[in-house]
Amino acid sequence: MVREGDERKEQIDGVIEDMVLDGEWVKIKSDYFEAVPLSEIFREKGA
């Protein structure tokens, strides 16, 4: 969570978007949260 008006929000959002687009989020998700099914959105990233 980021407080409303926090100047770092755009930077944080950008990093998260980059992680999703380059597949890093899928790796983290697979390594640490394998009990929770992966969303169809991420399946195309090879998970």
C-alpha atoms as a PDB file:
ATOM      1  CA  MET A   1       0.000   0.000   0.000  1.00  0.00           C
ATOM      2  CA  VAL A   2       1.085   3.508  -0.770  1.00  0.00           C
ATOM      3  CA  ARG A   3      -0.518   6.518   0.818  1.00  0.00           C
ATOM      4  CA  GLU A   4      -2.469   8.818  -1.440  1.00  0.00           C
ATOM      5  CA  GLY A   5      -0.255  11.595  -2.694  1.00  0.00           C
ATOM      6  CA  ASP A   6       2.994   9.678  -2.122  1.00  0.00           C
ATOM      7  CA  GLU A   7       5.418  10.798  -4.812  1.00  0.00           C
ATOM      8  CA  ARG A   8       6.953   7.311  -5.003  1.00  0.00           C
ATOM      9  CA  LYS A   9       3.725   5.688  -6.242  1.00  0.00           C
ATOM     10  CA  GLU A  10       4.547   6.139  -9.935  1.00  0.00           C
ATOM     11  CA  GLN A  11       8.022   4.708  -9.418  1.00  0.00           C
ATOM     12  CA  ILE A  12       6.665   1.711  -7.499  1.00  0.00           C
ATOM     13  CA  ASP A  13       3.969   1.102 -10.118  1.00  0.00           C
ATOM     14  CA  GLY A  14       6.618   1.232 -12.851  1.00  0.00           C
ATOM     15  CA  VAL A  15       8.806  -1.348 -11.118  1.00  0.00           C
ATOM     16  CA  ILE A  16       5.832  -3.670 -10.611  1.00  0.00           C
ATOM     17  CA  GLU A  17       4.802  -3.295 -14.251  1.00  0.00           C
ATOM     18  CA  ASP A  18       8.366  -4.084 -15.393  1.00  0.00           C
ATOM     19  CA  MET A  19       8.417  -7.200 -13.187  1.00  0.00           C
ATOM     20  CA  VAL A  20       5.165  -8.440 -14.704  1.00  0.00           C
ATOM     21  CA  LEU A  21       6.219  -7.730 -18.281  1.00  0.00           C
ATOM     22  CA  ASP A  22       9.650  -9.360 -18.021  1.00  0.00           C
ATOM     23  CA  GLY A  23       8.348 -12.474 -16.265  1.00  0.00           C
ATOM     24  CA  GLU A  24      10.024 -11.853 -12.888  1.00  0.00           C
ATOM     25  CA  TRP A  25       6.635 -11.822 -11.128  1.00  0.00           C
ATOM     26  CA  VAL A  26       5.847 -15.289 -12.500  1.00  0.00           C
ATOM     27  CA  LYS A  27       9.134 -16.610 -11.078  1.00  0.00           C
ATOM     28  CA  ILE A  28       8.455 -15.082  -7.655  1.00  0.00           C
ATOM     29  CA  LYS A  29       4.868 -16.333  -7.708  1.00  0.00           C
ATOM     30  CA  SER A  30       5.928 -19.852  -8.666  1.00  0.00           C
ATOM     31  CA  ASP A  31       8.723 -20.015  -6.074  1.00  0.00           C
ATOM     32  CA  TYR A  32       6.854 -18.616  -3.081  1.00  0.00           C
ATOM     33  CA  PHE A  33       3.119 -18.946  -3.691  1.00  0.00           C
ATOM     34  CA  GLU A  34       2.734 -22.202  -5.585  1.00  0.00           C
ATOM     35  CA  ALA A  35      -0.311 -23.219  -3.507  1.00  0.00           C
ATOM     36  CA  VAL A  36      -2.276 -20.324  -5.031  1.00  0.00           C
ATOM     37  CA  PRO A  37      -3.213 -20.914  -8.689  1.00  0.00           C
ATOM     38  CA  LEU A  38      -1.633 -18.596 -11.241  1.00  0.00           C
ATOM     39  CA  SER A  39      -3.969 -16.213 -13.024  1.00  0.00           C
ATOM     40  CA  GLU A  40      -4.597 -16.894 -16.723  1.00  0.00           C
ATOM     41  CA  ILE A  41      -3.076 -13.466 -17.442  1.00  0.00           C
ATOM     42  CA  PHE A  42       0.357 -14.764 -16.453  1.00  0.00           C
ATOM     43  CA  ARG A  43       0.183 -18.217 -18.057  1.00  0.00           C
ATOM     44  CA  GLU A  44       1.437 -16.867 -21.371  1.00  0.00           C
ATOM     45  CA  LYS A  45       4.693 -15.930 -19.589  1.00  0.00           C
ATOM     46  CA  GLY A  46       5.552 -19.617 -19.336  1.00  0.00           C
ATOM     47  CA  ALA A  47       4.498 -20.494 -15.821  1.00  0.00           C
END
